[in-house]
Amino acid sequence: MLSVVQTPEGPQLKIKVGDLVCTTPQLTARRDNEEPWTITPVGGQIEMRRGKEVTAGPIIKVLLRF
């Protein structure tokens, strides 16, 4: 699950997978051979951009495989 948290460094993405929790200012994700998404916190929400396509929301659930 991705959400946004405010830290002393500014807004960060919070990534939670089971018991693992980490934060980062930006994330790039790609599926197979598709163009990558750039994921950033914007205005208290998560913004996912790929080309001209934009998806935003307060929480985004994604399936991650390791």
PDB file of N, CA and C in Angstrom:
ATOM      1  N   MET A   1       0.843  -1.169   0.000  1.00  0.00           N
ATOM      2  CA  MET A   1       0.000   0.000   0.000  1.00  0.00           C
ATOM      3  C   MET A   1       0.893   1.237   0.000  1.00  0.00           C
ATOM      4  N   LEU A   2       0.522   2.224  -0.770  1.00  0.00           N
ATOM      5  CA  LEU A   2       1.238   3.501  -0.813  1.00  0.00           C
ATOM      6  C   LEU A   2       0.355   4.576  -0.204  1.00  0.00           C
ATOM      7  N   SER A   3       0.948   5.415   0.633  1.00  0.00           N
ATOM      8  CA  SER A   3       0.249   6.572   1.186  1.00  0.00           C
ATOM      9  C   SER A   3       1.265   7.700   1.341  1.00  0.00           C
ATOM     10  N   VAL A   4       0.789   8.868   1.774  1.00  0.00           N
ATOM     11  CA  VAL A   4       1.669  10.029   1.942  1.00  0.00           C
ATOM     12  C   VAL A   4       1.769  10.358   3.422  1.00  0.00           C
ATOM     13  N   VAL A   5       2.997  10.625   3.892  1.00  0.00           N
ATOM     14  CA  VAL A   5       3.227  11.060   5.265  1.00  0.00           C
ATOM     15  C   VAL A   5       4.085  12.323   5.238  1.00  0.00           C
ATOM     16  N   GLN A   6       3.894  13.151   6.245  1.00  0.00           N
ATOM     17  CA  GLN A   6       4.701  14.366   6.374  1.00  0.00           C
ATOM     18  C   GLN A   6       5.871  14.064   7.297  1.00  0.00           C
ATOM     19  N   THR A   7       7.087  14.339   6.837  1.00  0.00           N
ATOM     20  CA  THR A   7       8.293  14.121   7.634  1.00  0.00           C
ATOM     21  C   THR A   7       9.023  15.457   7.773  1.00  0.00           C
ATOM     22  N   PRO A   8      10.036  15.540   8.631  1.00  0.00           N
ATOM     23  CA  PRO A   8      10.814  16.778   8.730  1.00  0.00           C
ATOM     24  C   PRO A   8      11.447  17.187   7.396  1.00  0.00           C
ATOM     25  N   GLU A   9      11.692  16.205   6.511  1.00  0.00           N
ATOM     26  CA  GLU A   9      12.266  16.491   5.190  1.00  0.00           C
ATOM     27  C   GLU A   9      11.208  16.926   4.183  1.00  0.00           C
ATOM     28  N   GLY A  10       9.938  16.861   4.556  1.00  0.00           N
ATOM     29  CA  GLY A  10       8.838  17.199   3.646  1.00  0.00           C
ATOM     30  C   GLY A  10       7.972  15.990   3.385  1.00  0.00           C
ATOM     31  N   PRO A  11       7.008  16.108   2.464  1.00  0.00           N
ATOM     32  CA  PRO A  11       6.129  14.974   2.187  1.00  0.00           C
ATOM     33  C   PRO A  11       6.899  13.810   1.576  1.00  0.00           C
ATOM     34  N   GLN A  12       6.544  12.605   2.006  1.00  0.00           N
ATOM     35  CA  GLN A  12       7.199  11.388   1.528  1.00  0.00           C
ATOM     36  C   GLN A  12       6.144  10.341   1.211  1.00  0.00           C
ATOM     37  N   LEU A  13       6.478   9.435   0.307  1.00  0.00           N
ATOM     38  CA  LEU A  13       5.653   8.269   0.067  1.00  0.00           C
ATOM     39  C   LEU A  13       5.932   7.263   1.167  1.00  0.00           C
ATOM     40  N   LYS A  14       4.893   6.682   1.728  1.00  0.00           N
ATOM     41  CA  LYS A  14       5.044   5.612   2.710  1.00  0.00           C
ATOM     42  C   LYS A  14       4.650   4.326   2.005  1.00  0.00           C
ATOM     43  N   ILE A  15       5.564   3.372   1.983  1.00  0.00           N
ATOM     44  CA  ILE A  15       5.348   2.093   1.322  1.00  0.00           C
ATOM     45  C   ILE A  15       5.240   1.033   2.417  1.00  0.00           C
ATOM     46  N   LYS A  16       4.110   0.317   2.445  1.00  0.00           N
ATOM     47  CA  LYS A  16       3.922  -0.714   3.460  1.00  0.00           C
ATOM     48  C   LYS A  16       3.624  -2.032   2.773  1.00  0.00           C
ATOM     49  N   VAL A  17       4.469  -3.032   3.069  1.00  0.00           N
ATOM     50  CA  VAL A  17       4.300  -4.383   2.548  1.00  0.00           C
ATOM     51  C   VAL A  17       4.434  -5.319   3.741  1.00  0.00           C
ATOM     52  N   GLY A  18       3.319  -5.836   4.233  1.00  0.00           N
ATOM     53  CA  GLY A  18       3.351  -6.674   5.435  1.00  0.00           C
ATOM     54  C   GLY A  18       3.880  -5.864   6.603  1.00  0.00           C
ATOM     55  N   ASP A  19       4.934  -6.349   7.258  1.00  0.00           N
ATOM     56  CA  ASP A  19       5.552  -5.641   8.378  1.00  0.00           C
ATOM     57  C   ASP A  19       6.603  -4.633   7.930  1.00  0.00           C
ATOM     58  N   LEU A  20       6.964  -4.637   6.643  1.00  0.00           N
ATOM     59  CA  LEU A  20       7.977  -3.725   6.110  1.00  0.00           C
ATOM     60  C   LEU A  20       7.348  -2.362   5.817  1.00  0.00           C
ATOM     61  N   VAL A  21       7.937  -1.304   6.383  1.00  0.00           N
ATOM     62  CA  VAL A  21       7.481   0.068   6.132  1.00  0.00           C
ATOM     63  C   VAL A  21       8.701   0.913   5.796  1.00  0.00           C
ATOM     64  N   CYS A  22       8.641   1.662   4.696  1.00  0.00           N
ATOM     65  CA  CYS A  22       9.732   2.577   4.358  1.00  0.00           C
ATOM     66  C   CYS A  22       9.140   3.832   3.728  1.00  0.00           C
ATOM     67  N   THR A  23       9.952   4.898   3.668  1.00  0.00           N
ATOM     68  CA  THR A  23       9.527   6.153   3.058  1.00  0.00           C
ATOM     69  C   THR A  23      10.553   6.584   2.031  1.00  0.00           C
ATOM     70  N   THR A  24      10.077   7.319   1.029  1.00  0.00           N
ATOM     71  CA  THR A  24      10.943   7.828  -0.028  1.00  0.00           C
ATOM     72  C   THR A  24      10.266   9.045  -0.657  1.00  0.00           C
ATOM     73  N   PRO A  25      11.029  10.012  -1.175  1.00  0.00           N
ATOM     74  CA  PRO A  25      10.400  11.182  -1.791  1.00  0.00           C
ATOM     75  C   PRO A  25       9.822  10.896  -3.180  1.00  0.00           C
ATOM     76  N   GLN A  26      10.300   9.834  -3.845  1.00  0.00           N
ATOM     77  CA  GLN A  26       9.829   9.519  -5.198  1.00  0.00           C
ATOM     78  C   GLN A  26      10.078   8.048  -5.474  1.00  0.00           C
ATOM     79  N   LEU A  27       9.237   7.477  -6.328  1.00  0.00           N
ATOM     80  CA  LEU A  27       9.355   6.069  -6.681  1.00  0.00           C
ATOM     81  C   LEU A  27       9.097   5.934  -8.178  1.00  0.00           C
ATOM     82  N   THR A  28       9.864   5.096  -8.837  1.00  0.00           N
ATOM     83  CA  THR A  28       9.623   4.780 -10.238  1.00  0.00           C
ATOM     84  C   THR A  28       9.259   3.305 -10.310  1.00  0.00           C
ATOM     85  N   ALA A  29       8.138   3.001 -10.980  1.00  0.00           N
ATOM     86  CA  ALA A  29       7.672   1.618 -11.085  1.00  0.00           C
ATOM     87  C   ALA A  29       7.402   1.293 -12.540  1.00  0.00           C
ATOM     88  N   ARG A  30       7.675   0.058 -12.895  1.00  0.00           N
ATOM     89  CA  ARG A  30       7.479  -0.379 -14.285  1.00  0.00           C
ATOM     90  C   ARG A  30       6.912  -1.796 -14.253  1.00  0.00           C
ATOM     91  N   ARG A  31       6.027  -2.067 -15.170  1.00  0.00           N
ATOM     92  CA  ARG A  31       5.478  -3.412 -15.302  1.00  0.00           C
ATOM     93  C   ARG A  31       5.875  -3.965 -16.657  1.00  0.00           C
ATOM     94  N   ASP A  32       6.568  -5.087 -16.635  1.00  0.00           N
ATOM     95  CA  ASP A  32       7.049  -5.743 -17.856  1.00  0.00           C
ATOM     96  C   ASP A  32       7.763  -4.726 -18.751  1.00  0.00           C
ATOM     97  N   ASN A  33       7.341  -4.574 -19.995  1.00  0.00           N
ATOM     98  CA  ASN A  33       8.014  -3.673 -20.929  1.00  0.00           C
ATOM     99  C   ASN A  33       7.277  -2.356 -21.113  1.00  0.00           C
ATOM    100  N   GLU A  34       6.359  -2.030 -20.204  1.00  0.00           N
ATOM    101  CA  GLU A  34       5.595  -0.784 -20.306  1.00  0.00           C
ATOM    102  C   GLU A  34       6.455   0.414 -19.902  1.00  0.00           C
ATOM    103  N   GLU A  35       5.996   1.593 -20.302  1.00  0.00           N
ATOM    104  CA  GLU A  35       6.636   2.838 -19.883  1.00  0.00           C
ATOM    105  C   GLU A  35       6.528   2.957 -18.354  1.00  0.00           C
ATOM    106  N   PRO A  36       7.552   3.457 -17.662  1.00  0.00           N
ATOM    107  CA  PRO A  36       7.504   3.525 -16.195  1.00  0.00           C
ATOM    108  C   PRO A  36       6.564   4.620 -15.678  1.00  0.00           C
ATOM    109  N   TRP A  37       6.063   4.390 -14.472  1.00  0.00           N
ATOM    110  CA  TRP A  37       5.288   5.383 -13.726  1.00  0.00           C
ATOM    111  C   TRP A  37       6.244   6.120 -12.803  1.00  0.00           C
ATOM    112  N   THR A  38       6.081   7.434 -12.674  1.00  0.00           N
ATOM    113  CA  THR A  38       6.785   8.210 -11.662  1.00  0.00           C
ATOM    114  C   THR A  38       5.758   8.525 -10.581  1.00  0.00           C
ATOM    115  N   ILE A  39       6.048   8.122  -9.354  1.00  0.00           N
ATOM    116  CA  ILE A  39       5.101   8.237  -8.252  1.00  0.00           C
ATOM    117  C   ILE A  39       5.672   9.214  -7.230  1.00  0.00           C
ATOM    118  N   THR A  40       4.912  10.278  -6.917  1.00  0.00           N
ATOM    119  CA  THR A  40       5.371  11.307  -5.986  1.00  0.00           C
ATOM    120  C   THR A  40       4.213  11.766  -5.098  1.00  0.00           C
ATOM    121  N   PRO A  41       4.526  12.325  -3.914  1.00  0.00           N
ATOM    122  CA  PRO A  41       3.479  12.931  -3.100  1.00  0.00           C
ATOM    123  C   PRO A  41       3.205  14.350  -3.594  1.00  0.00           C
ATOM    124  N   VAL A  42       1.930  14.667  -3.857  1.00  0.00           N
ATOM    125  CA  VAL A  42       1.544  15.994  -4.342  1.00  0.00           C
ATOM    126  C   VAL A  42       0.272  16.419  -3.618  1.00  0.00           C
ATOM    127  N   GLY A  43       0.335  17.523  -2.880  1.00  0.00           N
ATOM    128  CA  GLY A  43      -0.859  18.048  -2.210  1.00  0.00           C
ATOM    129  C   GLY A  43      -1.509  17.070  -1.258  1.00  0.00           C
ATOM    130  N   GLY A  44      -0.729  16.273  -0.545  1.00  0.00           N
ATOM    131  CA  GLY A  44      -1.279  15.323   0.414  1.00  0.00           C
ATOM    132  C   GLY A  44      -1.812  14.049  -0.221  1.00  0.00           C
ATOM    133  N   GLN A  45      -1.652  13.895  -1.536  1.00  0.00           N
ATOM    134  CA  GLN A  45      -2.091  12.689  -2.224  1.00  0.00           C
ATOM    135  C   GLN A  45      -0.927  12.068  -2.982  1.00  0.00           C
ATOM    136  N   ILE A  46      -1.148  10.863  -3.455  1.00  0.00           N
ATOM    137  CA  ILE A  46      -0.165  10.185  -4.293  1.00  0.00           C
ATOM    138  C   ILE A  46      -0.506  10.488  -5.740  1.00  0.00           C
ATOM    139  N   GLU A  47       0.493  10.882  -6.497  1.00  0.00           N
ATOM    140  CA  GLU A  47       0.294  11.142  -7.919  1.00  0.00           C
ATOM    141  C   GLU A  47       1.166  10.190  -8.714  1.00  0.00           C
ATOM    142  N   MET A  48       0.540   9.447  -9.636  1.00  0.00           N
ATOM    143  CA  MET A  48       1.253   8.524 -10.521  1.00  0.00           C
ATOM    144  C   MET A  48       1.178   9.083 -11.928  1.00  0.00           C
ATOM    145  N   ARG A  49       2.342   9.311 -12.570  1.00  0.00           N
ATOM    146  CA  ARG A  49       2.399   9.873 -13.925  1.00  0.00           C
ATOM    147  C   ARG A  49       3.128   8.926 -14.858  1.00  0.00           C
ATOM    148  N   ARG A  50       2.548   8.780 -16.041  1.00  0.00           N
ATOM    149  CA  ARG A  50       3.190   8.030 -17.119  1.00  0.00           C
ATOM    150  C   ARG A  50       2.785   8.734 -18.401  1.00  0.00           C
ATOM    151  N   GLY A  51       3.745   9.447 -19.009  1.00  0.00           N
ATOM    152  CA  GLY A  51       3.430  10.250 -20.185  1.00  0.00           C
ATOM    153  C   GLY A  51       2.408  11.310 -19.801  1.00  0.00           C
ATOM    154  N   LYS A  52       1.271  11.350 -20.510  1.00  0.00           N
ATOM    155  CA  LYS A  52       0.214  12.317 -20.203  1.00  0.00           C
ATOM    156  C   LYS A  52      -0.823  11.743 -19.245  1.00  0.00           C
ATOM    157  N   GLU A  53      -0.700  10.463 -18.915  1.00  0.00           N
ATOM    158  CA  GLU A  53      -1.649   9.798 -18.026  1.00  0.00           C
ATOM    159  C   GLU A  53      -1.303  10.112 -16.570  1.00  0.00           C
ATOM    160  N   VAL A  54      -2.309  10.546 -15.785  1.00  0.00           N
ATOM    161  CA  VAL A  54      -2.107  10.890 -14.376  1.00  0.00           C
ATOM    162  C   VAL A  54      -3.197  10.207 -13.551  1.00  0.00           C
ATOM    163  N   THR A  55      -2.794   9.524 -12.476  1.00  0.00           N
ATOM    164  CA  THR A  55      -3.712   8.926 -11.517  1.00  0.00           C
ATOM    165  C   THR A  55      -3.340   9.483 -10.150  1.00  0.00           C
ATOM    166  N   ALA A  56      -4.341   9.889  -9.352  1.00  0.00           N
ATOM    167  CA  ALA A  56      -4.053  10.451  -8.032  1.00  0.00           C
ATOM    168  C   ALA A  56      -5.073   9.941  -7.027  1.00  0.00           C
ATOM    169  N   GLY A  57      -4.643   9.862  -5.769  1.00  0.00           N
ATOM    170  CA  GLY A  57      -5.534   9.455  -4.692  1.00  0.00           C
ATOM    171  C   GLY A  57      -4.803   9.477  -3.371  1.00  0.00           C
ATOM    172  N   PRO A  58      -5.552   9.455  -2.246  1.00  0.00           N
ATOM    173  CA  PRO A  58      -4.910   9.503  -0.932  1.00  0.00           C
ATOM    174  C   PRO A  58      -4.167   8.213  -0.582  1.00  0.00           C
ATOM    175  N   ILE A  59      -4.672   7.074  -1.066  1.00  0.00           N
ATOM    176  CA  ILE A  59      -4.042   5.770  -0.830  1.00  0.00           C
ATOM    177  C   ILE A  59      -4.152   4.981  -2.128  1.00  0.00           C
ATOM    178  N   ILE A  60      -3.080   4.324  -2.497  1.00  0.00           N
ATOM    179  CA  ILE A  60      -3.102   3.473  -3.689  1.00  0.00           C
ATOM    180  C   ILE A  60      -2.612   2.090  -3.287  1.00  0.00           C
ATOM    181  N   LYS A  61      -3.403   1.088  -3.587  1.00  0.00           N
ATOM    182  CA  LYS A  61      -3.016  -0.303  -3.281  1.00  0.00           C
ATOM    183  C   LYS A  61      -2.439  -0.912  -4.558  1.00  0.00           C
ATOM    184  N   VAL A  62      -1.309  -1.543  -4.405  1.00  0.00           N
ATOM    185  CA  VAL A  62      -0.640  -2.175  -5.545  1.00  0.00           C
ATOM    186  C   VAL A  62      -0.186  -3.578  -5.152  1.00  0.00           C
ATOM    187  N   LEU A  63      -0.063  -4.442  -6.123  1.00  0.00           N
ATOM    188  CA  LEU A  63       0.448  -5.784  -5.900  1.00  0.00           C
ATOM    189  C   LEU A  63       1.942  -5.769  -6.194  1.00  0.00           C
ATOM    190  N   LEU A  64       2.744  -6.113  -5.197  1.00  0.00           N
ATOM    191  CA  LEU A  64       4.199  -6.145  -5.362  1.00  0.00           C
ATOM    192  C   LEU A  64       4.676  -7.585  -5.281  1.00  0.00           C
ATOM    193  N   ARG A  65       5.575  -7.954  -6.188  1.00  0.00           N
ATOM    194  CA  ARG A  65       6.194  -9.269  -6.156  1.00  0.00           C
ATOM    195  C   ARG A  65       7.687  -9.103  -5.952  1.00  0.00           C
ATOM    196  N   PHE A  66       8.252  -9.954  -5.138  1.00  0.00           N
ATOM    197  CA  PHE A  66       9.689  -9.933  -4.899  1.00  0.00           C
ATOM    198  C   PHE A  66      10.296 -11.201  -5.445  1.00  0.00           C
TER     199      PHE A  66
END
